[in-house]
Amino acid sequence: MFVPVPAELGTEEGAERALRTLPDVDILVNNLGVFGAVPALEISDDEWRRHFEINVLAGIRLTRAISPG
């Protein structure tokens, strides 16, 4: 069954929304990520935080939430 869930998974709120909509997950495919073709020394701290939130924490949040099941 396919259930679309419009949510920004790079935020805690978005992850919670997705998990409320789909509380019983059997398989998690982590295919979320962002990348910008900018030299590393030119990326602002805010952009680094955004990349980390989306590329790292989004997957950790979802994995942590569904792993007990």
PDB file of N, CA and C in Angstrom:
ATOM      1  N   MET A   1       0.836  -1.174   0.000  1.00  0.00           N
ATOM      2  CA  MET A   1       0.000   0.000   0.000  1.00  0.00           C
ATOM      3  C   MET A   1       0.886   1.243   0.000  1.00  0.00           C
ATOM      4  N   PHE A   2       0.543   2.209  -0.806  1.00  0.00           N
ATOM      5  CA  PHE A   2       1.280   3.464  -0.898  1.00  0.00           C
ATOM      6  C   PHE A   2       0.456   4.568  -0.252  1.00  0.00           C
ATOM      7  N   VAL A   3       1.047   5.261   0.711  1.00  0.00           N
ATOM      8  CA  VAL A   3       0.368   6.355   1.395  1.00  0.00           C
ATOM      9  C   VAL A   3       1.269   7.587   1.318  1.00  0.00           C
ATOM     10  N   PRO A   4       0.889   8.596   0.533  1.00  0.00           N
ATOM     11  CA  PRO A   4       1.720   9.800   0.476  1.00  0.00           C
ATOM     12  C   PRO A   4       1.608  10.593   1.778  1.00  0.00           C
ATOM     13  N   VAL A   5       2.734  11.097   2.239  1.00  0.00           N
ATOM     14  CA  VAL A   5       2.766  11.888   3.470  1.00  0.00           C
ATOM     15  C   VAL A   5       3.557  13.163   3.187  1.00  0.00           C
ATOM     16  N   PRO A   6       2.869  14.278   2.959  1.00  0.00           N
ATOM     17  CA  PRO A   6       3.598  15.531   2.748  1.00  0.00           C
ATOM     18  C   PRO A   6       4.173  16.030   4.080  1.00  0.00           C
ATOM     19  N   ALA A   7       5.490  15.918   4.223  1.00  0.00           N
ATOM     20  CA  ALA A   7       6.137  16.339   5.462  1.00  0.00           C
ATOM     21  C   ALA A   7       7.591  16.675   5.177  1.00  0.00           C
ATOM     22  N   GLU A   8       8.095  17.663   5.857  1.00  0.00           N
ATOM     23  CA  GLU A   8       9.502  18.043   5.748  1.00  0.00           C
ATOM     24  C   GLU A   8      10.294  17.180   6.726  1.00  0.00           C
ATOM     25  N   LEU A   9      10.867  16.093   6.240  1.00  0.00           N
ATOM     26  CA  LEU A   9      11.527  15.127   7.113  1.00  0.00           C
ATOM     27  C   LEU A   9      12.833  15.635   7.707  1.00  0.00           C
ATOM     28  N   GLY A  10      13.317  16.749   7.221  1.00  0.00           N
ATOM     29  CA  GLY A  10      14.525  17.343   7.774  1.00  0.00           C
ATOM     30  C   GLY A  10      14.279  18.111   9.056  1.00  0.00           C
ATOM     31  N   THR A  11      13.024  18.113   9.540  1.00  0.00           N
ATOM     32  CA  THR A  11      12.693  18.776  10.804  1.00  0.00           C
ATOM     33  C   THR A  11      12.045  17.775  11.752  1.00  0.00           C
ATOM     34  N   GLU A  12      12.139  18.054  13.040  1.00  0.00           N
ATOM     35  CA  GLU A  12      11.487  17.182  14.030  1.00  0.00           C
ATOM     36  C   GLU A  12       9.978  17.136  13.796  1.00  0.00           C
ATOM     37  N   GLU A  13       9.392  18.292  13.499  1.00  0.00           N
ATOM     38  CA  GLU A  13       7.950  18.366  13.287  1.00  0.00           C
ATOM     39  C   GLU A  13       7.519  17.528  12.089  1.00  0.00           C
ATOM     40  N   GLY A  14       8.275  17.599  11.022  1.00  0.00           N
ATOM     41  CA  GLY A  14       7.960  16.821   9.829  1.00  0.00           C
ATOM     42  C   GLY A  14       8.070  15.324  10.068  1.00  0.00           C
ATOM     43  N   ALA A  15       9.110  14.923  10.798  1.00  0.00           N
ATOM     44  CA  ALA A  15       9.277  13.506  11.115  1.00  0.00           C
ATOM     45  C   ALA A  15       8.129  13.019  11.990  1.00  0.00           C
ATOM     46  N   GLU A  16       7.738  13.820  12.961  1.00  0.00           N
ATOM     47  CA  GLU A  16       6.621  13.447  13.829  1.00  0.00           C
ATOM     48  C   GLU A  16       5.327  13.326  13.027  1.00  0.00           C
ATOM     49  N   ARG A  17       5.122  14.229  12.095  1.00  0.00           N
ATOM     50  CA  ARG A  17       3.920  14.174  11.250  1.00  0.00           C
ATOM     51  C   ARG A  17       3.898  12.882  10.434  1.00  0.00           C
ATOM     52  N   ALA A  18       5.019  12.539   9.845  1.00  0.00           N
ATOM     53  CA  ALA A  18       5.099  11.309   9.049  1.00  0.00           C
ATOM     54  C   ALA A  18       4.841  10.089   9.923  1.00  0.00           C
ATOM     55  N   LEU A  19       5.412  10.076  11.114  1.00  0.00           N
ATOM     56  CA  LEU A  19       5.244   8.931  12.008  1.00  0.00           C
ATOM     57  C   LEU A  19       3.823   8.824  12.542  1.00  0.00           C
ATOM     58  N   ARG A  20       3.163   9.965  12.729  1.00  0.00           N
ATOM     59  CA  ARG A  20       1.746   9.927  13.136  1.00  0.00           C
ATOM     60  C   ARG A  20       0.884   9.369  12.014  1.00  0.00           C
ATOM     61  N   THR A  21       1.227   9.729  10.784  1.00  0.00           N
ATOM     62  CA  THR A  21       0.452   9.271   9.632  1.00  0.00           C
ATOM     63  C   THR A  21       0.695   7.792   9.351  1.00  0.00           C
ATOM     64  N   LEU A  22       1.938   7.362   9.534  1.00  0.00           N
ATOM     65  CA  LEU A  22       2.318   5.964   9.271  1.00  0.00           C
ATOM     66  C   LEU A  22       2.955   5.369  10.526  1.00  0.00           C
ATOM     67  N   PRO A  23       2.163   5.026  11.516  1.00  0.00           N
ATOM     68  CA  PRO A  23       2.746   4.548  12.775  1.00  0.00           C
ATOM     69  C   PRO A  23       3.356   3.147  12.691  1.00  0.00           C
ATOM     70  N   ASP A  24       2.930   2.339  11.732  1.00  0.00           N
ATOM     71  CA  ASP A  24       3.430   0.964  11.620  1.00  0.00           C
ATOM     72  C   ASP A  24       4.258   0.806  10.351  1.00  0.00           C
ATOM     73  N   VAL A  25       5.550   1.074  10.463  1.00  0.00           N
ATOM     74  CA  VAL A  25       6.451   1.004   9.320  1.00  0.00           C
ATOM     75  C   VAL A  25       7.185  -0.333   9.345  1.00  0.00           C
ATOM     76  N   ASP A  26       7.166  -1.046   8.227  1.00  0.00           N
ATOM     77  CA  ASP A  26       7.888  -2.312   8.122  1.00  0.00           C
ATOM     78  C   ASP A  26       9.286  -2.115   7.550  1.00  0.00           C
ATOM     79  N   ILE A  27       9.407  -1.212   6.585  1.00  0.00           N
ATOM     80  CA  ILE A  27      10.679  -0.982   5.909  1.00  0.00           C
ATOM     81  C   ILE A  27      10.906   0.523   5.778  1.00  0.00           C
ATOM     82  N   LEU A  28      12.091   0.975   6.143  1.00  0.00           N
ATOM     83  CA  LEU A  28      12.454   2.383   5.998  1.00  0.00           C
ATOM     84  C   LEU A  28      13.559   2.474   4.954  1.00  0.00           C
ATOM     85  N   VAL A  29      13.310   3.237   3.910  1.00  0.00           N
ATOM     86  CA  VAL A  29      14.321   3.511   2.898  1.00  0.00           C
ATOM     87  C   VAL A  29      14.753   4.959   3.093  1.00  0.00           C
ATOM     88  N   ASN A  30      15.984   5.138   3.538  1.00  0.00           N
ATOM     89  CA  ASN A  30      16.511   6.476   3.763  1.00  0.00           C
ATOM     90  C   ASN A  30      17.097   6.992   2.456  1.00  0.00           C
ATOM     91  N   ASN A  31      16.354   7.817   1.766  1.00  0.00           N
ATOM     92  CA  ASN A  31      16.782   8.319   0.476  1.00  0.00           C
ATOM     93  C   ASN A  31      16.645   9.840   0.431  1.00  0.00           C
ATOM     94  N   LEU A  32      16.921  10.471   1.546  1.00  0.00           N
ATOM     95  CA  LEU A  32      16.771  11.916   1.667  1.00  0.00           C
ATOM     96  C   LEU A  32      18.151  12.541   1.790  1.00  0.00           C
ATOM     97  N   GLY A  33      18.409  13.582   1.041  1.00  0.00           N
ATOM     98  CA  GLY A  33      19.685  14.264   1.154  1.00  0.00           C
ATOM     99  C   GLY A  33      19.722  15.511   0.304  1.00  0.00           C
ATOM    100  N   VAL A  34      20.550  16.438   0.718  1.00  0.00           N
ATOM    101  CA  VAL A  34      20.749  17.672  -0.044  1.00  0.00           C
ATOM    102  C   VAL A  34      22.246  17.870  -0.251  1.00  0.00           C
ATOM    103  N   PHE A  35      22.557  18.570  -1.295  1.00  0.00           N
ATOM    104  CA  PHE A  35      23.950  18.868  -1.605  1.00  0.00           C
ATOM    105  C   PHE A  35      23.982  20.124  -2.450  1.00  0.00           C
ATOM    106  N   GLY A  36      24.932  20.969  -2.177  1.00  0.00           N
ATOM    107  CA  GLY A  36      25.130  22.152  -2.997  1.00  0.00           C
ATOM    108  C   GLY A  36      26.559  22.164  -3.503  1.00  0.00           C
ATOM    109  N   ALA A  37      26.739  22.523  -4.753  1.00  0.00           N
ATOM    110  CA  ALA A  37      28.075  22.572  -5.343  1.00  0.00           C
ATOM    111  C   ALA A  37      28.740  23.898  -4.970  1.00  0.00           C
ATOM    112  N   VAL A  38      29.093  24.003  -3.692  1.00  0.00           N
ATOM    113  CA  VAL A  38      29.724  25.207  -3.158  1.00  0.00           C
ATOM    114  C   VAL A  38      30.981  24.770  -2.414  1.00  0.00           C
ATOM    115  N   PRO A  39      32.071  25.481  -2.565  1.00  0.00           N
ATOM    116  CA  PRO A  39      33.271  25.121  -1.805  1.00  0.00           C
ATOM    117  C   PRO A  39      32.971  25.100  -0.305  1.00  0.00           C
ATOM    118  N   ALA A  40      33.475  24.097   0.400  1.00  0.00           N
ATOM    119  CA  ALA A  40      33.169  23.887   1.815  1.00  0.00           C
ATOM    120  C   ALA A  40      33.421  25.127   2.672  1.00  0.00           C
ATOM    121  N   LEU A  41      34.463  25.866   2.359  1.00  0.00           N
ATOM    122  CA  LEU A  41      34.790  27.041   3.172  1.00  0.00           C
ATOM    123  C   LEU A  41      33.869  28.231   2.912  1.00  0.00           C
ATOM    124  N   GLU A  42      33.022  28.135   1.900  1.00  0.00           N
ATOM    125  CA  GLU A  42      32.094  29.220   1.583  1.00  0.00           C
ATOM    126  C   GLU A  42      30.674  28.954   2.078  1.00  0.00           C
ATOM    127  N   ILE A  43      30.448  27.804   2.707  1.00  0.00           N
ATOM    128  CA  ILE A  43      29.113  27.468   3.203  1.00  0.00           C
ATOM    129  C   ILE A  43      28.939  28.067   4.596  1.00  0.00           C
ATOM    130  N   SER A  44      27.830  28.745   4.795  1.00  0.00           N
ATOM    131  CA  SER A  44      27.580  29.380   6.090  1.00  0.00           C
ATOM    132  C   SER A  44      27.252  28.332   7.157  1.00  0.00           C
ATOM    133  N   ASP A  45      27.356  28.736   8.410  1.00  0.00           N
ATOM    134  CA  ASP A  45      27.007  27.827   9.502  1.00  0.00           C
ATOM    135  C   ASP A  45      25.546  27.383   9.404  1.00  0.00           C
ATOM    136  N   ASP A  46      24.667  28.291   9.030  1.00  0.00           N
ATOM    137  CA  ASP A  46      23.248  27.936   8.895  1.00  0.00           C
ATOM    138  C   ASP A  46      23.042  26.873   7.817  1.00  0.00           C
ATOM    139  N   GLU A  47      23.763  26.988   6.714  1.00  0.00           N
ATOM    140  CA  GLU A  47      23.640  25.993   5.643  1.00  0.00           C
ATOM    141  C   GLU A  47      24.230  24.647   6.074  1.00  0.00           C
ATOM    142  N   TRP A  48      25.353  24.685   6.815  1.00  0.00           N
ATOM    143  CA  TRP A  48      25.903  23.440   7.348  1.00  0.00           C
ATOM    144  C   TRP A  48      24.888  22.774   8.275  1.00  0.00           C
ATOM    145  N   ARG A  49      24.227  23.554   9.115  1.00  0.00           N
ATOM    146  CA  ARG A  49      23.212  23.002  10.019  1.00  0.00           C
ATOM    147  C   ARG A  49      22.068  22.378   9.230  1.00  0.00           C
ATOM    148  N   ARG A  50      21.629  23.052   8.187  1.00  0.00           N
ATOM    149  CA  ARG A  50      20.546  22.535   7.339  1.00  0.00           C
ATOM    150  C   ARG A  50      20.948  21.204   6.711  1.00  0.00           C
ATOM    151  N   HIS A  51      22.160  21.139   6.170  1.00  0.00           N
ATOM    152  CA  HIS A  51      22.654  19.895   5.573  1.00  0.00           C
ATOM    153  C   HIS A  51      22.699  18.779   6.614  1.00  0.00           C
ATOM    154  N   PHE A  52      23.182  19.092   7.806  1.00  0.00           N
ATOM    155  CA  PHE A  52      23.287  18.079   8.854  1.00  0.00           C
ATOM    156  C   PHE A  52      21.899  17.600   9.281  1.00  0.00           C
ATOM    157  N   GLU A  53      20.969  18.539   9.454  1.00  0.00           N
ATOM    158  CA  GLU A  53      19.597  18.183   9.837  1.00  0.00           C
ATOM    159  C   GLU A  53      18.982  17.222   8.819  1.00  0.00           C
ATOM    160  N   ILE A  54      19.152  17.540   7.555  1.00  0.00           N
ATOM    161  CA  ILE A  54      18.522  16.732   6.504  1.00  0.00           C
ATOM    162  C   ILE A  54      19.309  15.454   6.235  1.00  0.00           C
ATOM    163  N   ASN A  55      20.617  15.558   6.055  1.00  0.00           N
ATOM    164  CA  ASN A  55      21.415  14.407   5.634  1.00  0.00           C
ATOM    165  C   ASN A  55      21.719  13.414   6.751  1.00  0.00           C
ATOM    166  N   VAL A  56      21.720  13.872   7.987  1.00  0.00           N
ATOM    167  CA  VAL A  56      22.087  12.985   9.094  1.00  0.00           C
ATOM    168  C   VAL A  56      20.925  12.780  10.062  1.00  0.00           C
ATOM    169  N   LEU A  57      20.457  13.866  10.665  1.00  0.00           N
ATOM    170  CA  LEU A  57      19.451  13.726  11.715  1.00  0.00           C
ATOM    171  C   LEU A  57      18.110  13.201  11.226  1.00  0.00           C
ATOM    172  N   ALA A  58      17.717  13.508  10.006  1.00  0.00           N
ATOM    173  CA  ALA A  58      16.432  13.001   9.498  1.00  0.00           C
ATOM    174  C   ALA A  58      16.407  11.476   9.531  1.00  0.00           C
ATOM    175  N   GLY A  59      17.440  10.849   9.038  1.00  0.00           N
ATOM    176  CA  GLY A  59      17.507   9.390   9.044  1.00  0.00           C
ATOM    177  C   GLY A  59      17.608   8.814  10.441  1.00  0.00           C
ATOM    178  N   ILE A  60      18.358   9.477  11.308  1.00  0.00           N
ATOM    179  CA  ILE A  60      18.497   9.003  12.684  1.00  0.00           C
ATOM    180  C   ILE A  60      17.158   9.078  13.404  1.00  0.00           C
ATOM    181  N   ARG A  61      16.446  10.196  13.251  1.00  0.00           N
ATOM    182  CA  ARG A  61      15.139  10.345  13.911  1.00  0.00           C
ATOM    183  C   ARG A  61      14.178   9.233  13.497  1.00  0.00           C
ATOM    184  N   LEU A  62      14.081   9.003  12.199  1.00  0.00           N
ATOM    185  CA  LEU A  62      13.142   7.993  11.710  1.00  0.00           C
ATOM    186  C   LEU A  62      13.569   6.587  12.127  1.00  0.00           C
ATOM    187  N   THR A  63      14.853   6.301  12.021  1.00  0.00           N
ATOM    188  CA  THR A  63      15.350   4.981  12.418  1.00  0.00           C
ATOM    189  C   THR A  63      15.096   4.736  13.903  1.00  0.00           C
ATOM    190  N   ARG A  64      15.390   5.720  14.713  1.00  0.00           N
ATOM    191  CA  ARG A  64      15.188   5.602  16.158  1.00  0.00           C
ATOM    192  C   ARG A  64      13.707   5.379  16.478  1.00  0.00           C
ATOM    193  N   ALA A  65      12.837   6.058  15.754  1.00  0.00           N
ATOM    194  CA  ALA A  65      11.400   5.969  16.024  1.00  0.00           C
ATOM    195  C   ALA A  65      10.816   4.616  15.637  1.00  0.00           C
ATOM    196  N   ILE A  66      11.300   4.016  14.543  1.00  0.00           N
ATOM    197  CA  ILE A  66      10.684   2.761  14.094  1.00  0.00           C
ATOM    198  C   ILE A  66      11.437   1.515  14.565  1.00  0.00           C
ATOM    199  N   SER A  67      12.664   1.679  15.039  1.00  0.00           N
ATOM    200  CA  SER A  67      13.474   0.520  15.420  1.00  0.00           C
ATOM    201  C   SER A  67      12.855  -0.348  16.522  1.00  0.00           C
ATOM    202  N   PRO A  68      12.203   0.207  17.514  1.00  0.00           N
ATOM    203  CA  PRO A  68      11.624  -0.682  18.534  1.00  0.00           C
ATOM    204  C   PRO A  68      10.603  -1.674  17.953  1.00  0.00           C
ATOM    205  N   GLY A  69       9.962  -1.312  16.838  1.00  0.00           N
ATOM    206  CA  GLY A  69       8.952  -2.181  16.232  1.00  0.00           C
ATOM    207  C   GLY A  69       9.586  -3.252  15.409  1.00  0.00           C
TER     208      GLY A  69
END
